[in-house]
Amino acid sequence: AFPGDPQGTPTWAIAHYIDSVLYPMADFHHDLHSGGSSLKYVPFCSMRNSGDPALDARSLAALQAFGAPLSLVWAYNPEGRLAGAAAARRGLVSLGGEFGGGGDVNRSSLAMLEGGVRRFLAFAGVLANTPAPEPRTDMRMIEVSSREHYVYANEAGLLEPLVDLGAEVQAGDPAGRIHFIDNPGREPVTCHFRRAGMVVCQRHFGRVERGDCVAHLGTDV
């Protein structure tokens, strides 16, 4: 919805206020997500390349300071409606992340998120008398750089996952099988990965419609 519209719907008006009032007051931005109800993720912190090498270097330093075991870099995308893209236009160091999904909560993700946010705030100089953390050296850095990282349902039906979240897969491996419960005699349709990588995201719901994300990968940087 960015940059928003002050005369628009509540979402557009809120986006306009964030972009035109809050972002100019800020130096750092962190957009916390948890996959929503339809997707589940291997928890990760992320940054999105902005096209500005100097800003990207600062965001990478913030990502390392956050210190998530799995860190992800989204490819540069000229699409400007996302919160992170709007923050980058304002010159803010911007992070994001998916810290779970499917509406669940667990202790390990909470601990990673709380510790990471505290380190991020220390890096930003927000926490008084707290030294900025040293960059983490044992984090795994992955990227999502193309549409080939994604697998989408090409039919509506009931999804049978054929791989576990966090698994390492090869191009051509099956991601899921769609069954047609209203037509049991029809052969199921299998969705395949188009490249190798780590399964960082899977659909949470069993029911799928054509075009729903079944899974997506991250590949090592």
N, C-alpha and C. Protein backbone atom coordinates (compact mmCIF):
# COMPACT_ATOMS: atom_id res chain seq x y z
N ALA A 1 0.80 -1.21 0.00
CA ALA A 1 0.00 0.00 0.00
C ALA A 1 0.84 1.28 0.00
N PHE A 2 2.16 1.15 0.11
CA PHE A 2 3.02 2.34 0.16
C PHE A 2 3.14 2.94 -1.24
N PRO A 3 3.26 4.26 -1.36
CA PRO A 3 3.40 5.25 -0.27
C PRO A 3 2.10 5.67 0.40
N GLY A 4 1.02 5.04 0.04
CA GLY A 4 -0.24 5.31 0.71
C GLY A 4 -0.99 6.50 0.15
N ASP A 5 -2.11 6.80 0.80
CA ASP A 5 -2.99 7.88 0.35
C ASP A 5 -3.73 8.40 1.59
N PRO A 6 -3.55 9.67 1.94
CA PRO A 6 -4.21 10.19 3.15
C PRO A 6 -5.73 10.20 3.04
N GLN A 7 -6.25 10.14 1.82
CA GLN A 7 -7.69 10.14 1.62
C GLN A 7 -8.22 8.74 1.29
N GLY A 8 -7.38 7.73 1.43
CA GLY A 8 -7.76 6.38 1.05
C GLY A 8 -8.39 5.60 2.19
N THR A 9 -8.44 4.29 2.01
CA THR A 9 -8.96 3.39 3.04
C THR A 9 -8.02 3.41 4.25
N PRO A 10 -8.43 2.84 5.40
CA PRO A 10 -7.55 2.87 6.58
C PRO A 10 -6.14 2.35 6.30
N THR A 11 -6.01 1.26 5.55
CA THR A 11 -4.67 0.73 5.27
C THR A 11 -3.84 1.74 4.50
N TRP A 12 -4.41 2.35 3.48
CA TRP A 12 -3.67 3.33 2.68
C TRP A 12 -3.34 4.58 3.49
N ALA A 13 -4.26 5.01 4.34
CA ALA A 13 -4.01 6.19 5.17
C ALA A 13 -2.90 5.92 6.19
N ILE A 14 -2.90 4.72 6.79
CA ILE A 14 -1.85 4.36 7.73
C ILE A 14 -0.50 4.30 7.02
N ALA A 15 -0.47 3.70 5.83
CA ALA A 15 0.78 3.63 5.07
C ALA A 15 1.30 5.03 4.75
N HIS A 16 0.41 5.94 4.41
CA HIS A 16 0.83 7.32 4.12
C HIS A 16 1.43 7.96 5.36
N TYR A 17 0.82 7.75 6.52
CA TYR A 17 1.34 8.34 7.76
C TYR A 17 2.72 7.77 8.09
N ILE A 18 2.87 6.46 7.97
CA ILE A 18 4.18 5.85 8.24
C ILE A 18 5.23 6.41 7.30
N ASP A 19 4.90 6.49 6.01
CA ASP A 19 5.88 6.91 5.01
C ASP A 19 6.21 8.40 5.10
N SER A 20 5.21 9.22 5.35
CA SER A 20 5.44 10.67 5.29
C SER A 20 5.75 11.30 6.63
N VAL A 21 5.40 10.63 7.74
CA VAL A 21 5.62 11.21 9.07
C VAL A 21 6.66 10.42 9.86
N LEU A 22 6.47 9.10 9.99
CA LEU A 22 7.34 8.31 10.86
C LEU A 22 8.70 8.02 10.22
N TYR A 23 8.70 7.60 8.96
CA TYR A 23 9.98 7.27 8.33
C TYR A 23 10.96 8.44 8.31
N PRO A 24 10.52 9.67 8.01
CA PRO A 24 11.47 10.79 8.03
C PRO A 24 12.06 11.06 9.42
N MET A 25 11.43 10.54 10.48
CA MET A 25 11.94 10.72 11.84
C MET A 25 12.90 9.61 12.24
N ALA A 26 13.02 8.58 11.42
CA ALA A 26 13.72 7.36 11.82
C ALA A 26 15.01 7.16 11.03
N ASP A 27 15.88 6.32 11.58
CA ASP A 27 17.10 5.88 10.90
C ASP A 27 17.08 4.38 10.63
N PHE A 28 16.27 3.64 11.40
CA PHE A 28 16.23 2.18 11.30
C PHE A 28 14.77 1.72 11.24
N HIS A 29 14.60 0.55 10.63
CA HIS A 29 13.25 -0.01 10.44
C HIS A 29 13.34 -1.52 10.51
N HIS A 30 12.42 -2.15 11.24
CA HIS A 30 12.37 -3.62 11.29
C HIS A 30 10.91 -4.05 11.18
N ASP A 31 10.60 -4.82 10.15
CA ASP A 31 9.25 -5.27 9.86
C ASP A 31 9.14 -6.74 10.25
N LEU A 32 8.49 -7.03 11.38
CA LEU A 32 8.42 -8.38 11.92
C LEU A 32 7.19 -9.11 11.40
N HIS A 33 7.39 -10.31 10.89
CA HIS A 33 6.30 -11.13 10.36
C HIS A 33 6.41 -12.55 10.92
N SER A 34 5.32 -13.32 10.74
CA SER A 34 5.36 -14.73 11.15
C SER A 34 4.63 -15.62 10.15
N GLY A 35 4.75 -15.28 8.86
CA GLY A 35 4.21 -16.16 7.83
C GLY A 35 2.72 -16.08 7.62
N GLY A 36 2.01 -15.37 8.48
CA GLY A 36 0.56 -15.36 8.38
C GLY A 36 -0.03 -16.71 8.74
N SER A 37 -1.29 -16.92 8.41
CA SER A 37 -1.93 -18.19 8.75
C SER A 37 -1.71 -19.25 7.69
N SER A 38 -1.39 -18.85 6.45
CA SER A 38 -1.34 -19.82 5.35
C SER A 38 0.03 -20.41 5.11
N LEU A 39 1.09 -19.81 5.65
CA LEU A 39 2.46 -20.27 5.39
C LEU A 39 3.19 -20.52 6.70
N LYS A 40 4.11 -21.47 6.67
CA LYS A 40 4.99 -21.70 7.82
C LYS A 40 6.43 -21.62 7.32
N TYR A 41 7.30 -21.05 8.15
CA TYR A 41 8.67 -20.77 7.76
C TYR A 41 9.67 -21.36 8.75
N VAL A 42 10.85 -21.70 8.23
CA VAL A 42 12.02 -21.82 9.09
C VAL A 42 12.33 -20.40 9.54
N PRO A 43 12.35 -20.09 10.82
CA PRO A 43 12.52 -18.70 11.25
C PRO A 43 13.82 -18.09 10.72
N PHE A 44 13.69 -16.88 10.18
CA PHE A 44 14.87 -16.17 9.69
C PHE A 44 14.67 -14.67 9.81
N CYS A 45 15.80 -13.95 9.85
CA CYS A 45 15.80 -12.50 9.72
C CYS A 45 16.26 -12.19 8.31
N SER A 46 15.81 -11.05 7.77
CA SER A 46 16.10 -10.78 6.36
C SER A 46 16.36 -9.30 6.11
N MET A 47 16.96 -9.05 4.96
CA MET A 47 17.09 -7.71 4.39
C MET A 47 16.74 -7.82 2.92
N ARG A 48 16.39 -6.70 2.32
CA ARG A 48 16.09 -6.67 0.89
C ARG A 48 17.06 -5.70 0.22
N ASN A 49 17.77 -6.18 -0.80
CA ASN A 49 18.68 -5.30 -1.52
C ASN A 49 17.91 -4.12 -2.10
N SER A 50 18.48 -2.94 -1.93
CA SER A 50 17.79 -1.71 -2.31
C SER A 50 18.26 -1.14 -3.63
N GLY A 51 19.40 -1.62 -4.14
CA GLY A 51 20.00 -1.02 -5.31
C GLY A 51 21.00 0.06 -4.97
N ASP A 52 21.12 0.40 -3.69
CA ASP A 52 22.10 1.38 -3.19
C ASP A 52 23.16 0.60 -2.43
N PRO A 53 24.37 0.43 -2.99
CA PRO A 53 25.39 -0.40 -2.34
C PRO A 53 25.73 0.05 -0.92
N ALA A 54 25.80 1.35 -0.69
CA ALA A 54 26.15 1.84 0.65
C ALA A 54 25.06 1.50 1.66
N LEU A 55 23.80 1.70 1.27
CA LEU A 55 22.69 1.37 2.16
C LEU A 55 22.61 -0.13 2.39
N ASP A 56 22.86 -0.91 1.34
CA ASP A 56 22.81 -2.37 1.49
C ASP A 56 23.90 -2.87 2.43
N ALA A 57 25.07 -2.23 2.39
CA ALA A 57 26.16 -2.63 3.30
C ALA A 57 25.77 -2.36 4.75
N ARG A 58 25.11 -1.25 5.00
CA ARG A 58 24.67 -0.94 6.36
C ARG A 58 23.57 -1.91 6.82
N SER A 59 22.68 -2.26 5.91
CA SER A 59 21.62 -3.22 6.26
C SER A 59 22.22 -4.60 6.53
N LEU A 60 23.23 -4.98 5.76
CA LEU A 60 23.89 -6.27 5.99
C LEU A 60 24.56 -6.28 7.36
N ALA A 61 25.18 -5.18 7.75
CA ALA A 61 25.79 -5.10 9.08
C ALA A 61 24.72 -5.24 10.16
N ALA A 62 23.56 -4.64 9.95
CA ALA A 62 22.46 -4.78 10.92
C ALA A 62 21.96 -6.22 10.96
N LEU A 63 21.89 -6.86 9.80
CA LEU A 63 21.45 -8.26 9.74
C LEU A 63 22.41 -9.16 10.52
N GLN A 64 23.70 -8.91 10.37
CA GLN A 64 24.70 -9.69 11.11
C GLN A 64 24.60 -9.41 12.61
N ALA A 65 24.29 -8.17 12.97
CA ALA A 65 24.14 -7.84 14.39
C ALA A 65 22.92 -8.52 14.98
N PHE A 66 21.83 -8.62 14.22
CA PHE A 66 20.63 -9.32 14.71
C PHE A 66 20.99 -10.75 15.08
N GLY A 67 21.81 -11.39 14.27
CA GLY A 67 22.39 -12.67 14.64
C GLY A 67 21.49 -13.87 14.57
N ALA A 68 20.51 -13.88 13.66
CA ALA A 68 19.69 -15.08 13.49
C ALA A 68 20.53 -16.20 12.89
N PRO A 69 20.36 -17.43 13.34
CA PRO A 69 21.13 -18.54 12.75
C PRO A 69 20.93 -18.64 11.24
N LEU A 70 19.71 -18.33 10.77
CA LEU A 70 19.42 -18.32 9.34
C LEU A 70 19.06 -16.89 8.95
N SER A 71 19.80 -16.34 7.99
CA SER A 71 19.55 -14.98 7.53
C SER A 71 19.37 -15.00 6.02
N LEU A 72 18.44 -14.19 5.54
CA LEU A 72 18.03 -14.25 4.14
C LEU A 72 18.13 -12.88 3.50
N VAL A 73 18.61 -12.86 2.26
CA VAL A 73 18.68 -11.63 1.47
C VAL A 73 17.71 -11.76 0.30
N TRP A 74 16.72 -10.87 0.26
CA TRP A 74 15.80 -10.83 -0.87
C TRP A 74 16.43 -10.02 -1.99
N ALA A 75 16.22 -10.45 -3.21
CA ALA A 75 16.78 -9.75 -4.36
C ALA A 75 16.17 -8.36 -4.49
N TYR A 76 16.92 -7.46 -5.12
CA TYR A 76 16.39 -6.13 -5.41
C TYR A 76 15.15 -6.24 -6.29
N ASN A 77 14.13 -5.48 -5.94
CA ASN A 77 12.88 -5.48 -6.70
C ASN A 77 12.40 -4.04 -6.79
N PRO A 78 12.20 -3.52 -8.00
CA PRO A 78 11.77 -2.12 -8.11
C PRO A 78 10.35 -1.87 -7.61
N GLU A 79 9.62 -2.94 -7.30
CA GLU A 79 8.27 -2.78 -6.73
C GLU A 79 8.36 -1.95 -5.45
N GLY A 80 7.66 -0.83 -5.42
CA GLY A 80 7.83 0.10 -4.32
C GLY A 80 6.73 0.11 -3.29
N ARG A 81 5.79 -0.83 -3.35
CA ARG A 81 4.64 -0.77 -2.44
C ARG A 81 4.89 -1.44 -1.09
N LEU A 82 6.01 -2.15 -0.96
CA LEU A 82 6.31 -2.83 0.30
C LEU A 82 6.88 -1.85 1.33
N ALA A 83 6.68 -2.17 2.61
CA ALA A 83 7.17 -1.30 3.68
C ALA A 83 8.69 -1.16 3.61
N GLY A 84 9.39 -2.28 3.36
CA GLY A 84 10.84 -2.21 3.29
C GLY A 84 11.33 -1.36 2.13
N ALA A 85 10.64 -1.43 1.00
CA ALA A 85 11.02 -0.60 -0.15
C ALA A 85 10.80 0.87 0.15
N ALA A 86 9.70 1.18 0.83
CA ALA A 86 9.44 2.56 1.21
C ALA A 86 10.49 3.06 2.20
N ALA A 87 10.89 2.20 3.15
CA ALA A 87 11.94 2.58 4.10
C ALA A 87 13.26 2.84 3.38
N ALA A 88 13.58 2.00 2.39
CA ALA A 88 14.83 2.19 1.64
C ALA A 88 14.81 3.50 0.87
N ARG A 89 13.67 3.87 0.31
CA ARG A 89 13.58 5.15 -0.40
C ARG A 89 13.88 6.31 0.53
N ARG A 90 13.59 6.14 1.81
CA ARG A 90 13.86 7.18 2.80
C ARG A 90 15.27 7.07 3.38
N GLY A 91 16.04 6.08 2.90
CA GLY A 91 17.41 5.93 3.36
C GLY A 91 17.55 5.22 4.68
N LEU A 92 16.51 4.50 5.12
CA LEU A 92 16.56 3.79 6.40
C LEU A 92 17.25 2.44 6.25
N VAL A 93 18.02 2.06 7.26
CA VAL A 93 18.49 0.68 7.37
C VAL A 93 17.28 -0.17 7.71
N SER A 94 16.97 -1.14 6.87
CA SER A 94 15.71 -1.86 7.00
C SER A 94 15.92 -3.36 7.04
N LEU A 95 15.34 -4.00 8.05
CA LEU A 95 15.33 -5.46 8.16
C LEU A 95 13.88 -5.94 8.18
N GLY A 96 13.73 -7.23 7.93
CA GLY A 96 12.43 -7.89 8.03
C GLY A 96 12.65 -9.28 8.60
N GLY A 97 11.72 -10.15 8.35
CA GLY A 97 11.89 -11.52 8.81
C GLY A 97 10.58 -12.26 8.91
N GLU A 98 10.66 -13.55 8.82
CA GLU A 98 9.53 -14.44 9.08
C GLU A 98 9.96 -15.33 10.24
N PHE A 99 9.23 -15.26 11.34
CA PHE A 99 9.68 -15.91 12.57
C PHE A 99 8.73 -17.03 13.01
N GLY A 100 8.24 -17.76 12.03
CA GLY A 100 7.35 -18.88 12.33
C GLY A 100 6.31 -19.00 11.24
N GLY A 101 5.05 -19.05 11.63
CA GLY A 101 3.98 -19.13 10.65
C GLY A 101 2.89 -20.06 11.07
N GLY A 102 1.80 -20.03 10.31
CA GLY A 102 0.68 -20.91 10.58
C GLY A 102 -0.08 -20.56 11.85
N GLY A 103 0.21 -19.41 12.44
CA GLY A 103 -0.49 -19.01 13.65
C GLY A 103 0.05 -19.61 14.93
N ASP A 104 1.22 -20.26 14.86
CA ASP A 104 1.74 -20.90 16.07
C ASP A 104 2.74 -20.00 16.78
N VAL A 105 3.15 -20.42 17.97
CA VAL A 105 4.18 -19.74 18.73
C VAL A 105 4.97 -20.81 19.47
N ASN A 106 6.29 -20.62 19.54
CA ASN A 106 7.11 -21.60 20.25
C ASN A 106 8.28 -20.89 20.92
N ARG A 107 8.86 -21.55 21.90
CA ARG A 107 9.87 -20.92 22.74
C ARG A 107 11.15 -20.60 21.98
N SER A 108 11.58 -21.48 21.09
CA SER A 108 12.85 -21.24 20.39
C SER A 108 12.76 -20.02 19.48
N SER A 109 11.65 -19.88 18.76
CA SER A 109 11.49 -18.71 17.89
C SER A 109 11.39 -17.43 18.70
N LEU A 110 10.67 -17.49 19.82
CA LEU A 110 10.56 -16.31 20.69
C LEU A 110 11.92 -15.90 21.23
N ALA A 111 12.72 -16.88 21.65
CA ALA A 111 14.04 -16.57 22.20
C ALA A 111 14.94 -15.95 21.13
N MET A 112 14.90 -16.51 19.92
CA MET A 112 15.70 -15.97 18.83
C MET A 112 15.27 -14.55 18.50
N LEU A 113 13.97 -14.32 18.46
CA LEU A 113 13.45 -13.00 18.11
C LEU A 113 13.77 -11.97 19.18
N GLU A 114 13.55 -12.32 20.45
CA GLU A 114 13.83 -11.36 21.52
C GLU A 114 15.31 -11.00 21.56
N GLY A 115 16.17 -12.02 21.49
CA GLY A 115 17.60 -11.73 21.50
C GLY A 115 18.03 -10.92 20.30
N GLY A 116 17.48 -11.25 19.12
CA GLY A 116 17.84 -10.53 17.91
C GLY A 116 17.40 -9.08 17.95
N VAL A 117 16.19 -8.83 18.42
CA VAL A 117 15.70 -7.45 18.49
C VAL A 117 16.53 -6.63 19.46
N ARG A 118 16.91 -7.23 20.58
CA ARG A 118 17.77 -6.51 21.54
C ARG A 118 19.12 -6.17 20.90
N ARG A 119 19.69 -7.11 20.17
CA ARG A 119 20.98 -6.83 19.50
C ARG A 119 20.81 -5.78 18.41
N PHE A 120 19.70 -5.83 17.69
CA PHE A 120 19.43 -4.83 16.66
C PHE A 120 19.30 -3.44 17.28
N LEU A 121 18.59 -3.34 18.39
CA LEU A 121 18.44 -2.04 19.06
C LEU A 121 19.77 -1.54 19.60
N ALA A 122 20.61 -2.46 20.07
CA ALA A 122 21.94 -2.05 20.52
C ALA A 122 22.77 -1.55 19.34
N PHE A 123 22.68 -2.25 18.22
CA PHE A 123 23.39 -1.84 17.00
C PHE A 123 22.94 -0.45 16.57
N ALA A 124 21.64 -0.18 16.71
CA ALA A 124 21.09 1.11 16.30
C ALA A 124 21.38 2.22 17.30
N GLY A 125 21.93 1.87 18.47
CA GLY A 125 22.22 2.86 19.48
C GLY A 125 21.02 3.26 20.31
N VAL A 126 19.95 2.47 20.25
CA VAL A 126 18.72 2.79 20.98
C VAL A 126 18.82 2.40 22.45
N LEU A 127 19.44 1.26 22.74
CA LEU A 127 19.58 0.80 24.12
C LEU A 127 20.77 1.51 24.76
N ALA A 128 20.49 2.31 25.76
CA ALA A 128 21.55 3.08 26.42
C ALA A 128 22.51 2.15 27.15
N ASN A 129 23.79 2.50 27.10
CA ASN A 129 24.84 1.78 27.82
C ASN A 129 24.96 0.31 27.41
N THR A 130 24.52 0.00 26.19
CA THR A 130 24.65 -1.36 25.67
C THR A 130 25.53 -1.32 24.44
N PRO A 131 26.70 -1.96 24.48
CA PRO A 131 27.58 -1.91 23.31
C PRO A 131 26.98 -2.65 22.13
N ALA A 132 27.26 -2.17 20.94
CA ALA A 132 26.79 -2.85 19.74
C ALA A 132 27.41 -4.24 19.66
N PRO A 133 26.65 -5.25 19.28
CA PRO A 133 27.17 -6.62 19.26
C PRO A 133 28.16 -6.84 18.13
N GLU A 134 29.04 -7.79 18.34
CA GLU A 134 29.95 -8.20 17.28
C GLU A 134 29.16 -8.99 16.23
N PRO A 135 29.51 -8.85 14.95
CA PRO A 135 28.81 -9.61 13.91
C PRO A 135 28.94 -11.11 14.15
N ARG A 136 27.86 -11.83 13.93
CA ARG A 136 27.86 -13.28 14.09
C ARG A 136 28.60 -13.91 12.91
N THR A 137 29.44 -14.90 13.19
CA THR A 137 30.24 -15.52 12.14
C THR A 137 29.73 -16.89 11.73
N ASP A 138 28.80 -17.47 12.50
CA ASP A 138 28.34 -18.82 12.19
C ASP A 138 26.93 -18.85 11.60
N MET A 139 26.43 -17.70 11.16
CA MET A 139 25.10 -17.65 10.58
C MET A 139 25.12 -18.20 9.16
N ARG A 140 24.04 -18.84 8.76
CA ARG A 140 23.90 -19.29 7.38
C ARG A 140 23.19 -18.21 6.59
N MET A 141 23.79 -17.78 5.50
CA MET A 141 23.24 -16.71 4.69
C MET A 141 22.69 -17.30 3.40
N ILE A 142 21.40 -17.08 3.16
CA ILE A 142 20.77 -17.57 1.94
C ILE A 142 20.11 -16.40 1.21
N GLU A 143 19.71 -16.65 -0.03
CA GLU A 143 19.06 -15.61 -0.81
C GLU A 143 17.87 -16.17 -1.57
N VAL A 144 16.94 -15.30 -1.89
CA VAL A 144 15.85 -15.60 -2.81
C VAL A 144 15.97 -14.58 -3.93
N SER A 145 16.38 -15.05 -5.10
CA SER A 145 16.78 -14.12 -6.16
C SER A 145 16.00 -14.28 -7.46
N SER A 146 15.06 -15.24 -7.53
CA SER A 146 14.34 -15.44 -8.78
C SER A 146 13.02 -16.13 -8.53
N ARG A 147 12.17 -16.13 -9.54
CA ARG A 147 10.89 -16.82 -9.44
C ARG A 147 11.07 -18.33 -9.35
N GLU A 148 12.21 -18.82 -9.78
CA GLU A 148 12.45 -20.26 -9.73
C GLU A 148 12.59 -20.78 -8.31
N HIS A 149 12.71 -19.89 -7.35
CA HIS A 149 12.76 -20.31 -5.95
C HIS A 149 11.38 -20.76 -5.45
N TYR A 150 10.32 -20.42 -6.18
CA TYR A 150 8.95 -20.63 -5.71
C TYR A 150 8.27 -21.79 -6.44
N VAL A 151 7.40 -22.49 -5.71
CA VAL A 151 6.55 -23.53 -6.28
C VAL A 151 5.10 -23.14 -6.00
N TYR A 152 4.30 -23.09 -7.06
CA TYR A 152 2.90 -22.71 -6.93
C TYR A 152 1.98 -23.85 -7.35
N ALA A 153 0.81 -23.90 -6.75
CA ALA A 153 -0.18 -24.90 -7.13
C ALA A 153 -0.73 -24.58 -8.51
N ASN A 154 -0.72 -25.57 -9.39
CA ASN A 154 -1.29 -25.35 -10.72
C ASN A 154 -2.70 -25.90 -10.86
N GLU A 155 -3.23 -26.44 -9.76
CA GLU A 155 -4.61 -26.91 -9.71
C GLU A 155 -5.16 -26.66 -8.30
N ALA A 156 -6.47 -26.60 -8.19
CA ALA A 156 -7.12 -26.53 -6.88
C ALA A 156 -7.36 -27.94 -6.37
N GLY A 157 -7.18 -28.14 -5.07
CA GLY A 157 -7.40 -29.46 -4.51
C GLY A 157 -6.88 -29.56 -3.09
N LEU A 158 -6.54 -30.77 -2.68
CA LEU A 158 -6.02 -31.04 -1.34
C LEU A 158 -4.54 -31.37 -1.45
N LEU A 159 -3.71 -30.59 -0.77
CA LEU A 159 -2.26 -30.71 -0.91
C LEU A 159 -1.69 -31.75 0.04
N GLU A 160 -0.90 -32.65 -0.51
CA GLU A 160 -0.10 -33.60 0.27
C GLU A 160 1.35 -33.17 0.18
N PRO A 161 1.96 -32.67 1.26
CA PRO A 161 3.37 -32.27 1.19
C PRO A 161 4.26 -33.49 1.00
N LEU A 162 5.29 -33.35 0.18
CA LEU A 162 6.19 -34.45 -0.11
C LEU A 162 7.61 -34.18 0.36
N VAL A 163 7.78 -33.12 1.14
CA VAL A 163 9.10 -32.76 1.66
C VAL A 163 8.88 -32.03 2.98
N ASP A 164 9.88 -32.07 3.85
CA ASP A 164 9.77 -31.42 5.15
C ASP A 164 10.34 -30.00 5.11
N LEU A 165 9.79 -29.15 5.92
CA LEU A 165 10.32 -27.80 6.08
C LEU A 165 11.76 -27.89 6.56
N GLY A 166 12.66 -27.14 5.92
CA GLY A 166 14.07 -27.17 6.27
C GLY A 166 14.89 -28.17 5.48
N ALA A 167 14.24 -28.99 4.64
CA ALA A 167 14.96 -30.00 3.87
C ALA A 167 15.79 -29.36 2.76
N GLU A 168 16.83 -30.07 2.35
CA GLU A 168 17.63 -29.68 1.19
C GLU A 168 17.12 -30.49 -0.01
N VAL A 169 16.81 -29.81 -1.11
CA VAL A 169 16.24 -30.47 -2.27
C VAL A 169 17.04 -30.14 -3.53
N GLN A 170 16.78 -30.89 -4.58
CA GLN A 170 17.40 -30.69 -5.88
C GLN A 170 16.33 -30.29 -6.90
N ALA A 171 16.77 -29.69 -7.99
CA ALA A 171 15.84 -29.35 -9.06
C ALA A 171 15.14 -30.61 -9.55
N GLY A 172 13.83 -30.54 -9.69
CA GLY A 172 13.06 -31.68 -10.13
C GLY A 172 12.46 -32.50 -9.02
N ASP A 173 12.92 -32.30 -7.78
CA ASP A 173 12.34 -33.04 -6.65
C ASP A 173 10.88 -32.62 -6.45
N PRO A 174 10.03 -33.56 -6.01
CA PRO A 174 8.63 -33.21 -5.77
C PRO A 174 8.45 -32.37 -4.51
N ALA A 175 7.62 -31.34 -4.61
CA ALA A 175 7.31 -30.49 -3.46
C ALA A 175 6.00 -30.88 -2.81
N GLY A 176 5.04 -31.29 -3.61
CA GLY A 176 3.74 -31.65 -3.08
C GLY A 176 2.88 -32.30 -4.15
N ARG A 177 1.85 -32.96 -3.70
CA ARG A 177 0.93 -33.65 -4.62
C ARG A 177 -0.48 -33.16 -4.33
N ILE A 178 -1.18 -32.75 -5.38
CA ILE A 178 -2.53 -32.22 -5.24
C ILE A 178 -3.54 -33.31 -5.59
N HIS A 179 -4.41 -33.61 -4.63
CA HIS A 179 -5.46 -34.61 -4.82
C HIS A 179 -6.79 -33.91 -5.07
N PHE A 180 -7.66 -34.60 -5.80
CA PHE A 180 -8.95 -34.03 -6.19
C PHE A 180 -10.07 -34.80 -5.48
N ILE A 181 -10.43 -34.33 -4.30
CA ILE A 181 -11.37 -35.08 -3.47
C ILE A 181 -12.78 -35.09 -4.06
N ASP A 182 -13.09 -34.14 -4.96
CA ASP A 182 -14.39 -34.15 -5.61
C ASP A 182 -14.40 -35.01 -6.86
N ASN A 183 -13.22 -35.57 -7.20
CA ASN A 183 -13.10 -36.45 -8.37
C ASN A 183 -12.03 -37.50 -8.06
N PRO A 184 -12.34 -38.47 -7.18
CA PRO A 184 -11.33 -39.43 -6.72
C PRO A 184 -10.68 -40.24 -7.83
N GLY A 185 -11.35 -40.36 -8.97
CA GLY A 185 -10.78 -41.13 -10.06
C GLY A 185 -9.70 -40.39 -10.84
N ARG A 186 -9.56 -39.10 -10.59
CA ARG A 186 -8.55 -38.32 -11.31
C ARG A 186 -7.19 -38.50 -10.66
N GLU A 187 -6.17 -38.67 -11.49
CA GLU A 187 -4.81 -38.84 -10.98
C GLU A 187 -4.33 -37.56 -10.31
N PRO A 188 -3.66 -37.67 -9.16
CA PRO A 188 -3.11 -36.48 -8.51
C PRO A 188 -2.07 -35.78 -9.40
N VAL A 189 -1.90 -34.49 -9.16
CA VAL A 189 -0.91 -33.68 -9.89
C VAL A 189 0.23 -33.34 -8.93
N THR A 190 1.46 -33.57 -9.36
CA THR A 190 2.63 -33.31 -8.52
C THR A 190 3.28 -31.99 -8.91
N CYS A 191 3.62 -31.19 -7.91
CA CYS A 191 4.36 -29.93 -8.11
C CYS A 191 5.83 -30.20 -7.81
N HIS A 192 6.73 -29.64 -8.62
CA HIS A 192 8.16 -29.91 -8.49
C HIS A 192 8.95 -28.63 -8.24
N PHE A 193 10.06 -28.78 -7.52
CA PHE A 193 11.00 -27.68 -7.37
C PHE A 193 11.74 -27.46 -8.69
N ARG A 194 12.04 -26.20 -8.98
CA ARG A 194 12.71 -25.87 -10.24
C ARG A 194 14.20 -25.63 -10.07
N ARG A 195 14.68 -25.68 -8.84
CA ARG A 195 16.11 -25.54 -8.59
C ARG A 195 16.44 -26.17 -7.25
N ALA A 196 17.72 -26.25 -6.94
CA ALA A 196 18.17 -26.81 -5.67
C ALA A 196 18.15 -25.73 -4.60
N GLY A 197 18.03 -26.15 -3.35
CA GLY A 197 18.07 -25.21 -2.25
C GLY A 197 17.47 -25.78 -0.98
N MET A 198 17.29 -24.90 0.00
CA MET A 198 16.71 -25.26 1.29
C MET A 198 15.24 -24.84 1.29
N VAL A 199 14.37 -25.73 1.75
CA VAL A 199 12.94 -25.42 1.84
C VAL A 199 12.72 -24.53 3.07
N VAL A 200 12.58 -23.24 2.84
CA VAL A 200 12.41 -22.30 3.96
C VAL A 200 10.95 -21.99 4.24
N CYS A 201 10.06 -22.37 3.32
CA CYS A 201 8.65 -22.05 3.47
C CYS A 201 7.80 -23.16 2.89
N GLN A 202 6.70 -23.48 3.57
CA GLN A 202 5.71 -24.43 3.09
C GLN A 202 4.31 -23.92 3.38
N ARG A 203 3.38 -24.36 2.57
CA ARG A 203 1.98 -24.02 2.83
C ARG A 203 1.53 -24.73 4.09
N HIS A 204 0.74 -24.02 4.90
CA HIS A 204 0.24 -24.57 6.16
C HIS A 204 -1.09 -25.29 5.98
N PHE A 205 -1.96 -24.73 5.17
CA PHE A 205 -3.27 -25.33 4.97
C PHE A 205 -3.21 -26.48 3.97
N GLY A 206 -4.11 -27.44 4.12
CA GLY A 206 -4.19 -28.54 3.18
C GLY A 206 -4.87 -28.15 1.88
N ARG A 207 -5.88 -27.31 1.97
CA ARG A 207 -6.61 -26.90 0.79
C ARG A 207 -5.82 -25.86 0.00
N VAL A 208 -5.71 -26.04 -1.31
CA VAL A 208 -5.03 -25.06 -2.16
C VAL A 208 -5.93 -24.66 -3.32
N GLU A 209 -5.72 -23.44 -3.77
CA GLU A 209 -6.32 -22.95 -5.01
C GLU A 209 -5.20 -22.74 -6.02
N ARG A 210 -5.55 -22.73 -7.29
CA ARG A 210 -4.54 -22.49 -8.32
C ARG A 210 -3.83 -21.17 -8.04
N GLY A 211 -2.50 -21.20 -8.03
CA GLY A 211 -1.71 -20.01 -7.78
C GLY A 211 -1.24 -19.85 -6.35
N ASP A 212 -1.73 -20.67 -5.42
CA ASP A 212 -1.24 -20.62 -4.04
C ASP A 212 0.21 -21.08 -3.97
N CYS A 213 0.97 -20.46 -3.08
CA CYS A 213 2.36 -20.89 -2.87
C CYS A 213 2.36 -22.22 -2.11
N VAL A 214 2.99 -23.22 -2.70
CA VAL A 214 3.14 -24.53 -2.07
C VAL A 214 4.39 -24.55 -1.19
N ALA A 215 5.46 -23.94 -1.69
CA ALA A 215 6.74 -23.90 -0.96
C ALA A 215 7.65 -22.90 -1.66
N HIS A 216 8.68 -22.46 -0.94
CA HIS A 216 9.75 -21.76 -1.65
C HIS A 216 11.09 -22.04 -0.99
N LEU A 217 12.12 -21.83 -1.78
CA LEU A 217 13.48 -22.19 -1.40
C LEU A 217 14.30 -20.96 -1.05
N GLY A 218 15.40 -21.20 -0.36
CA GLY A 218 16.49 -20.25 -0.23
C GLY A 218 17.76 -20.95 -0.68
N THR A 219 18.65 -20.23 -1.33
CA THR A 219 19.91 -20.81 -1.79
C THR A 219 21.08 -20.09 -1.15
N ASP A 220 22.13 -20.82 -0.86
CA ASP A 220 23.28 -20.24 -0.17
C ASP A 220 23.91 -19.13 -0.99
N VAL A 221 24.27 -18.06 -0.31
CA VAL A 221 24.93 -16.92 -0.95
C VAL A 221 26.37 -17.28 -1.23
